[in-house]
Protein backbone atom coordinates (compact mmCIF):
# COMPACT_ATOMS: atom_id res chain seq x y z
CA MET A 1 -0.03 0.23 0.01
CA ASN A 2 1.14 3.38 -0.89
CA GLN A 3 2.58 5.36 2.21
CA ALA A 4 1.14 8.50 0.84
CA LEU A 5 -2.40 7.25 0.31
CA ARG A 6 -2.36 5.94 3.87
CA ARG A 7 -1.24 9.15 5.19
CA LEU A 8 -3.81 11.07 3.21
CA GLY A 9 -6.42 8.65 4.65
CA THR A 10 -5.11 9.00 8.40
CA ARG A 11 -5.51 12.92 7.49
CA ILE A 12 -8.90 12.65 6.42
CA ARG A 13 -10.16 10.35 9.22
CA GLU A 14 -8.40 12.85 11.83
CA LEU A 15 -10.46 15.89 10.18
CA ARG A 16 -13.81 14.16 10.06
CA SER A 17 -13.56 12.58 13.57
CA LYS A 18 -12.44 16.12 14.92
CA ARG A 19 -15.78 17.12 13.59
CA GLY A 20 -17.69 14.38 15.32
CA TRP A 21 -18.95 12.67 12.32
CA SER A 22 -19.37 9.24 11.64
CA GLN A 23 -17.68 7.77 8.30
CA GLU A 24 -21.38 7.06 6.78
CA ALA A 25 -22.55 10.61 7.78
CA PHE A 26 -19.47 12.25 6.32
CA ALA A 27 -19.33 10.36 2.88
CA ASP A 28 -23.02 11.76 2.55
CA ILE A 29 -22.05 15.18 3.13
CA ALA A 30 -18.67 14.84 0.68
CA GLY A 31 -21.13 13.10 -1.66
CA VAL A 32 -19.24 9.64 -1.95
CA HIS A 33 -20.44 6.24 -1.12
CA ARG A 34 -19.59 5.00 2.49
CA THR A 35 -17.52 2.30 1.39
CA TYR A 36 -15.64 4.34 -1.02
CA MET A 37 -14.76 6.90 1.96
CA GLY A 38 -13.71 3.59 4.05
CA HIS A 39 -11.19 2.97 1.24
CA LEU A 40 -9.79 6.42 1.02
CA GLU A 41 -9.53 6.51 4.87
CA ARG A 42 -7.49 3.15 4.79
CA GLY A 43 -5.25 4.26 1.97
CA GLU A 44 -6.84 1.56 -0.23
CA LYS A 45 -7.66 3.46 -3.07
CA ASN A 46 -6.03 5.98 -5.28
CA VAL A 47 -8.08 9.16 -4.81
CA SER A 48 -9.31 11.19 -7.90
CA PHE A 49 -9.02 14.97 -7.91
CA MET A 50 -12.50 15.47 -7.85
CA SER A 51 -12.76 13.45 -4.81
CA MET A 52 -10.31 15.21 -2.78
CA ALA A 53 -12.07 18.58 -4.24
CA ARG A 54 -15.14 17.15 -2.48
CA VAL A 55 -13.89 15.88 0.52
CA ALA A 56 -12.01 19.18 1.25
CA LYS A 57 -15.06 21.11 0.55
CA ALA A 58 -16.95 18.75 3.01
CA LEU A 59 -14.40 19.55 5.48
CA GLY A 60 -14.67 23.43 4.77
CA ILE A 61 -11.16 23.50 4.16
CA THR A 62 -8.65 24.05 1.13
CA MET A 63 -7.13 21.20 -0.79
CA SER A 64 -3.73 22.53 0.02
CA ASN A 65 -4.89 22.27 3.97
CA LEU A 66 -5.92 18.72 3.26
CA LEU A 67 -2.83 17.60 1.64
CA SER A 68 -0.69 19.24 4.15
CA GLY A 69 1.93 16.85 5.67
CA VAL A 70 0.67 13.98 3.47
CA ASP A 71 4.20 14.12 1.51
CA THR A 72 6.24 13.84 5.03
CA PRO A 73 7.25 10.21 5.91
CA ASP A 74 6.30 8.93 9.37
CA HIS A 75 9.52 8.53 11.20
CA THR A 76 7.90 6.57 14.31
CA LYS A 77 7.26 3.44 12.36
CA ARG A 78 10.34 1.74 10.64
CA ARG A 79 10.48 -0.18 7.56
CA LYS A 80 11.05 -3.85 7.50
């Protein structure tokens, strides 16, 4: 699994959770299917530009804010 996708998924989950939204409620707000949102949050799907735009809009943030820190490797975990 691509680490950048995993970090993006983690970021989406954290931002959603801060707002107190369930994954299903957030998927409805963002206009995507609940299972697709689950795939995004787990980093299992390569997210499209339009999906990122929907997610950012639903969160009330810019796309650059959504992507903030996603390209920074997580140094707390070591690769095997």
